[in-house]
Every structure is written in structure tokens, then in C-alpha cells.
Protein backbone atom coordinates (compact mmCIF):
# COMPACT_ATOMS: atom_id res chain seq x y z
CA MET A 1 137.36 -47.87 -96.87
CA ALA A 2 135.66 -45.63 -99.86
CA THR A 3 131.92 -45.50 -100.77
CA GLY A 4 131.21 -46.00 -104.47
CA PHE A 5 129.59 -43.57 -106.50
CA ILE A 6 127.84 -44.08 -110.14
CA TYR A 7 126.55 -41.00 -111.59
CA SER A 8 126.41 -39.80 -115.39
CA ASP A 9 125.36 -36.96 -117.33
CA LYS A 10 123.61 -39.39 -119.72
CA PHE A 11 120.80 -39.82 -117.11
CA LEU A 12 119.44 -36.55 -117.74
CA GLU A 13 118.98 -37.58 -121.36
CA HIS A 14 115.69 -39.37 -120.41
CA ASP A 15 113.50 -36.56 -121.18
CA THR A 16 110.08 -36.49 -119.00
CA GLY A 17 109.11 -33.35 -120.44
CA ALA A 18 108.30 -30.01 -118.74
CA GLY A 19 107.20 -29.84 -115.13
CA HIS A 20 107.26 -33.49 -114.50
CA PRO A 21 107.88 -34.96 -110.82
CA GLU A 22 110.45 -37.26 -112.01
CA ARG A 23 112.89 -35.18 -114.22
CA PRO A 24 116.90 -34.15 -114.99
CA ASP A 25 116.88 -31.74 -112.29
CA ARG A 26 116.52 -34.24 -109.46
CA LEU A 27 119.85 -35.37 -110.11
CA ARG A 28 121.17 -31.94 -110.92
CA ALA A 29 120.17 -30.82 -106.96
CA ILE A 30 122.49 -33.91 -105.52
CA VAL A 31 125.29 -33.20 -107.74
CA LYS A 32 124.99 -29.81 -106.87
CA GLN A 33 124.95 -30.67 -103.13
CA LEU A 34 127.63 -33.18 -103.54
CA HIS A 35 129.76 -30.24 -104.87
CA ASP A 36 128.65 -27.46 -102.57
CA SER A 37 129.27 -29.87 -99.20
CA GLY A 38 132.75 -31.27 -100.38
CA MET A 39 131.86 -34.50 -100.83
CA TRP A 40 132.10 -34.88 -104.52
CA ASN A 41 136.03 -35.57 -104.72
CA LYS A 42 135.39 -38.16 -101.36
CA LEU A 43 133.54 -40.60 -103.47
CA GLU A 44 134.90 -43.42 -105.27
CA HIS A 45 133.52 -42.75 -109.20
CA LEU A 46 133.02 -45.63 -110.60
CA PRO A 47 133.51 -46.42 -114.11
CA PHE A 48 130.29 -48.33 -115.50
CA SER A 49 128.86 -49.11 -118.90
CA PRO A 50 125.44 -50.15 -120.36
CA ALA A 51 123.51 -53.27 -119.14
CA THR A 52 122.87 -56.20 -121.55
CA GLU A 53 118.93 -57.06 -122.23
CA ASP A 54 119.95 -60.34 -120.62
CA TRP A 55 120.49 -59.14 -117.53
CA VAL A 56 117.27 -57.10 -117.82
CA LEU A 57 115.45 -60.59 -118.95
CA LYS A 58 116.50 -61.80 -115.32
CA VAL A 59 113.60 -60.01 -114.17
CA HIS A 60 111.60 -58.71 -117.25
CA THR A 61 109.81 -60.65 -120.07
CA HIS A 62 110.54 -60.56 -123.19
CA ARG A 63 107.04 -58.76 -124.10
CA HIS A 64 107.83 -56.11 -121.91
CA VAL A 65 111.37 -55.00 -122.77
CA SER A 66 110.44 -55.45 -126.69
CA PHE A 67 107.45 -52.83 -125.37
CA VAL A 68 109.71 -50.25 -123.96
CA LYS A 69 112.09 -50.51 -126.76
CA SER A 70 109.97 -50.38 -129.37
CA SER A 71 107.97 -47.75 -128.27
CA VAL A 72 110.64 -45.77 -127.33
CA HIS A 73 112.06 -46.13 -130.85
CA ALA A 74 109.12 -44.85 -132.31
CA GLY A 75 108.76 -41.74 -131.00
CA HIS A 76 106.14 -42.52 -128.38
CA THR A 77 106.26 -40.29 -125.24
CA VAL A 78 104.17 -41.98 -122.73
CA LEU A 79 104.18 -45.58 -121.88
CA ASP A 80 101.14 -46.19 -119.50
CA GLU A 81 98.03 -44.13 -118.09
CA GLY A 82 99.85 -41.38 -118.22
CA ASP A 83 102.57 -41.09 -115.48
CA THR A 84 105.61 -42.81 -117.08
CA HIS A 85 107.05 -40.27 -120.02
CA VAL A 86 109.80 -41.11 -122.16
CA SER A 87 111.85 -39.97 -124.54
CA LYS A 88 114.09 -41.07 -127.89
CA ASN A 89 117.14 -41.57 -125.40
CA SER A 90 115.03 -43.54 -122.56
CA PHE A 91 115.67 -46.89 -123.21
CA ASP A 92 119.20 -46.29 -123.92
CA VAL A 93 119.73 -44.18 -120.59
CA ALA A 94 117.69 -47.03 -118.90
CA LEU A 95 120.20 -49.91 -119.48
CA LEU A 96 122.85 -47.52 -118.44
CA ALA A 97 121.19 -46.51 -115.33
CA ILE A 98 120.89 -50.27 -114.63
CA GLY A 99 124.55 -50.85 -115.61
CA GLY A 100 125.56 -48.48 -113.18
CA VAL A 101 123.90 -50.03 -110.59
CA LEU A 102 125.39 -53.83 -111.54
CA ALA A 103 128.74 -52.03 -111.52
CA ALA A 104 127.84 -50.92 -107.89
CA VAL A 105 127.33 -54.54 -106.83
CA ASP A 106 130.46 -55.96 -108.39
CA ALA A 107 132.25 -52.94 -106.17
CA VAL A 108 130.73 -53.70 -103.13
CA THR A 109 130.36 -57.80 -103.08
CA THR A 110 134.43 -57.80 -104.48
CA GLY A 111 135.29 -56.01 -101.57
CA ALA A 112 136.50 -52.94 -103.57
CA MET A 113 133.91 -50.66 -101.73
CA GLN A 114 132.07 -50.32 -98.69
CA ASN A 115 129.37 -49.22 -99.72
CA ALA A 116 127.79 -47.50 -103.35
CA PHE A 117 124.94 -44.84 -104.12
CA CYS A 118 123.86 -44.95 -107.25
CA ALA A 119 122.43 -41.96 -108.71
CA VAL A 120 120.81 -42.90 -111.38
CA ARG A 121 117.54 -42.45 -113.43
CA PRO A 122 114.76 -43.64 -114.46
CA PRO A 123 113.91 -45.03 -111.64
CA GLY A 124 112.76 -48.36 -110.85
CA HIS A 125 110.63 -49.45 -107.90
CA HIS A 126 107.11 -49.67 -109.24
CA ALA A 127 108.18 -51.57 -112.53
CA GLU A 128 106.71 -54.93 -112.33
CA HIS A 129 108.03 -57.85 -114.21
CA ASP A 130 105.94 -57.52 -116.86
CA LYS A 131 104.43 -53.94 -116.72
CA VAL A 132 105.95 -49.98 -116.48
CA MET A 133 104.37 -47.86 -113.89
CA GLY A 134 105.16 -45.10 -111.68
CA PHE A 135 107.64 -43.25 -113.81
CA CYS A 136 109.52 -46.85 -114.09
CA LEU A 137 110.44 -48.57 -117.08
CA PHE A 138 113.09 -51.69 -115.57
CA ASN A 139 113.04 -52.40 -112.22
CA ASN A 140 116.69 -51.62 -111.46
CA VAL A 141 117.00 -53.11 -107.81
CA ALA A 142 115.35 -56.44 -108.70
CA ILE A 143 117.64 -56.70 -111.47
CA ALA A 144 120.61 -55.94 -109.18
CA ALA A 145 119.64 -58.57 -106.77
CA ARG A 146 118.91 -61.49 -109.39
CA TYR A 147 122.94 -60.13 -110.55
CA ALA A 148 124.20 -60.52 -107.08
CA GLN A 149 122.49 -64.04 -106.86
CA ALA A 150 123.65 -65.34 -110.30
CA LYS A 151 126.72 -63.74 -110.88
CA HIS A 152 128.42 -63.57 -107.17
CA GLY A 153 126.90 -66.19 -105.73
CA ILE A 154 124.95 -64.15 -102.90
CA HIS A 155 122.21 -66.57 -101.77
CA ARG A 156 120.40 -64.32 -99.53
CA ILE A 157 119.09 -60.50 -99.87
CA ALA A 158 117.45 -57.99 -98.01
CA ILE A 159 115.99 -54.97 -99.91
CA ILE A 160 115.00 -52.28 -97.70
CA ASP A 161 112.64 -49.76 -99.45
CA TRP A 162 111.72 -46.47 -97.97
CA ASP A 163 109.87 -43.81 -99.91
CA VAL A 164 106.46 -42.36 -99.45
CA HIS A 165 104.84 -44.46 -102.06
CA HIS A 166 105.26 -48.52 -101.81
CA GLY A 167 107.37 -50.44 -103.90
CA ASN A 168 104.61 -52.85 -105.78
CA GLY A 169 106.75 -53.89 -108.54
CA THR A 170 109.63 -54.96 -106.55
CA GLN A 171 107.07 -56.96 -103.91
CA GLU A 172 105.44 -58.27 -106.85
CA ILE A 173 108.53 -59.79 -108.61
CA PHE A 174 109.90 -61.52 -105.31
CA TYR A 175 106.73 -62.05 -103.62
CA SER A 176 107.06 -66.21 -104.02
CA ASP A 177 110.65 -66.06 -103.91
CA GLU A 178 112.26 -67.17 -100.15
CA SER A 179 115.42 -66.07 -101.45
CA VAL A 180 114.92 -62.34 -100.96
CA LEU A 181 113.32 -60.22 -98.11
CA TYR A 182 111.88 -57.45 -99.63
CA THR A 183 110.71 -54.80 -96.83
CA SER A 184 109.04 -51.54 -97.32
CA THR A 185 108.16 -48.43 -95.08
CA HIS A 186 105.50 -46.18 -96.96
CA GLN A 187 102.70 -43.80 -96.93
CA TYR A 188 99.40 -45.77 -96.65
CA PRO A 189 97.05 -45.68 -97.95
CA TYR A 190 98.71 -43.52 -100.93
CA TYR A 191 99.83 -44.31 -104.46
CA PRO A 192 99.59 -47.09 -105.75
CA GLY A 193 97.34 -48.38 -102.88
CA THR A 194 99.51 -51.62 -102.46
CA GLY A 195 101.34 -52.23 -99.10
CA ALA A 196 99.38 -53.47 -96.68
CA ARG A 197 100.78 -55.40 -93.77
CA GLU A 198 98.59 -58.13 -94.55
CA GLU A 199 101.06 -58.50 -97.86
CA ARG A 200 103.24 -60.96 -96.41
CA GLY A 201 104.23 -63.26 -99.38
CA LYS A 202 102.95 -66.46 -100.83
CA GLY A 203 103.75 -69.83 -101.34
CA LYS A 204 107.46 -70.39 -100.57
CA GLY A 205 108.01 -66.32 -100.17
CA GLU A 206 105.15 -66.35 -97.44
CA GLY A 207 107.04 -64.22 -94.61
CA PHE A 208 109.99 -62.77 -96.94
CA THR A 209 107.92 -59.62 -97.45
CA LEU A 210 107.11 -56.71 -94.70
CA ASN A 211 105.51 -53.85 -95.06
CA ILE A 212 105.06 -51.28 -92.56
CA PRO A 213 102.74 -48.66 -93.36
CA MET A 214 103.03 -45.36 -92.14
CA SER A 215 100.72 -42.49 -91.60
CA ALA A 216 101.22 -38.77 -92.88
CA GLY A 217 103.37 -36.72 -91.36
CA SER A 218 105.28 -39.43 -89.99
CA GLY A 219 109.00 -38.64 -88.37
CA GLU A 220 111.84 -39.88 -87.18
CA PRO A 221 110.68 -41.36 -84.27
CA GLU A 222 108.14 -43.55 -86.14
CA TYR A 223 111.03 -44.10 -88.74
CA LEU A 224 113.36 -45.06 -85.92
CA LYS A 225 110.60 -47.42 -84.34
CA ALA A 226 110.04 -49.17 -87.59
CA PHE A 227 113.47 -49.39 -88.44
CA THR A 228 114.88 -51.04 -84.91
CA GLU A 229 111.67 -53.18 -83.89
CA GLU A 230 111.04 -54.23 -87.50
CA VAL A 231 113.43 -54.08 -90.05
């Protein structure tokens, strides 16, 4: 069975400015490597369209969606204390990115694809239910989880997040939810300062958050241990 792939040149239209860490070159590098390695033609390039705001609102508040939309349309270029940059097309590109992730969910849950990789931007795991943060406007994976539950009846979902940064937004969204297991490996302490082992969820969600803080410089042995013994 094929691996589905989500990508569009339109993702490059989310312009964060020269020198910004989260810039179009991140996707250009992926596309170049896929072409150079011969993998590009081995992937199943899935069709997709922008998500509707209704799906975004399964995770984010009306206030949050309105803030992002109105700020972008008003020409604002920074949405938080300084690191979440946007441009005139950012809101539309964000909806397209979410739509791509939802198309990947459809393809995998229906059995059309064995798995899928979504090369999308803007990213999402720092966005909380009512807050932009850390380059992220909307939480793509959280929206995908709610979509999988609502459309495909998948009741239990695991989100496995590995990144140098903790996905505080995804944790915040599902912290009291026993239907979504959130696990994260990340350098700690580091931005954004969350992700201690003691953060395990609350209420019905207690025990459904698993944080595995990693020391700077951790390599394959440490990650293999984390994934085989804990995740």
C-alpha cells in the first residue's frame, strides 16, 4: 500500500520574513530531497482543499479564529509577543494546511493509504485553543484528531510528538480528555518551558499525557529507550 503525501506550493505563500526560522525554505528542502532521492514519484500525491472554519472551531474558539483572520486581513505581520509572523495569505494558507491534514486522515482511515506524510505550513503544535504561539496559528494535529473522531468514529487516538520543543498547545487542548493520548519527547528545560514529567493530565484526562523530557544532545540510544520502554 502506498504512502500518501500532502504538499502544495501555496504553502510557500505564508511569508514570515527574511531569516525567520519557520520559512518556506523548510518545505523547499523537503521537496528537493524527495526529488533528488527519487522518492517524489513513489508517493501518492493526495488531492485536498482548504478546511472549513467549522472544523477549526472543533478545537479553537470563535474569538481565536476571528483574531487570526481579522489580524491577517488588516495587514498585521506579528500576532504575538514577537515570533509568530504572518503575511496577507497566511489565514488562507493555514486553512489549506488543515485541509491537507484532514485529507490525509480520510485516506488512511478509509484504507486507501497505509500512512501519510503532511509537508504543510504554518505548523501547529504550540497553538492553544485560544492562543497563537511559537510560529503556530491553528493546531493542525488537534483538529485532525477531532475530525477523525467526528467523521470516522475513531474513539481513541494517540498523538506522538517528537521535537526539540514541547507541544504545549496540543497538551493544553487534550489535557482533560481521556480519548486522546498525548505523548511528547522534547529537550527540557527549553522553550516553551512546559513538558515536565509531572504534567500527566487532569480530571478524566489524568494519565493520558505522557511527557518524556530529554537532555540536550540526546541521541539514538536515548530515543530508542524512550520509545521502546515508555511510548
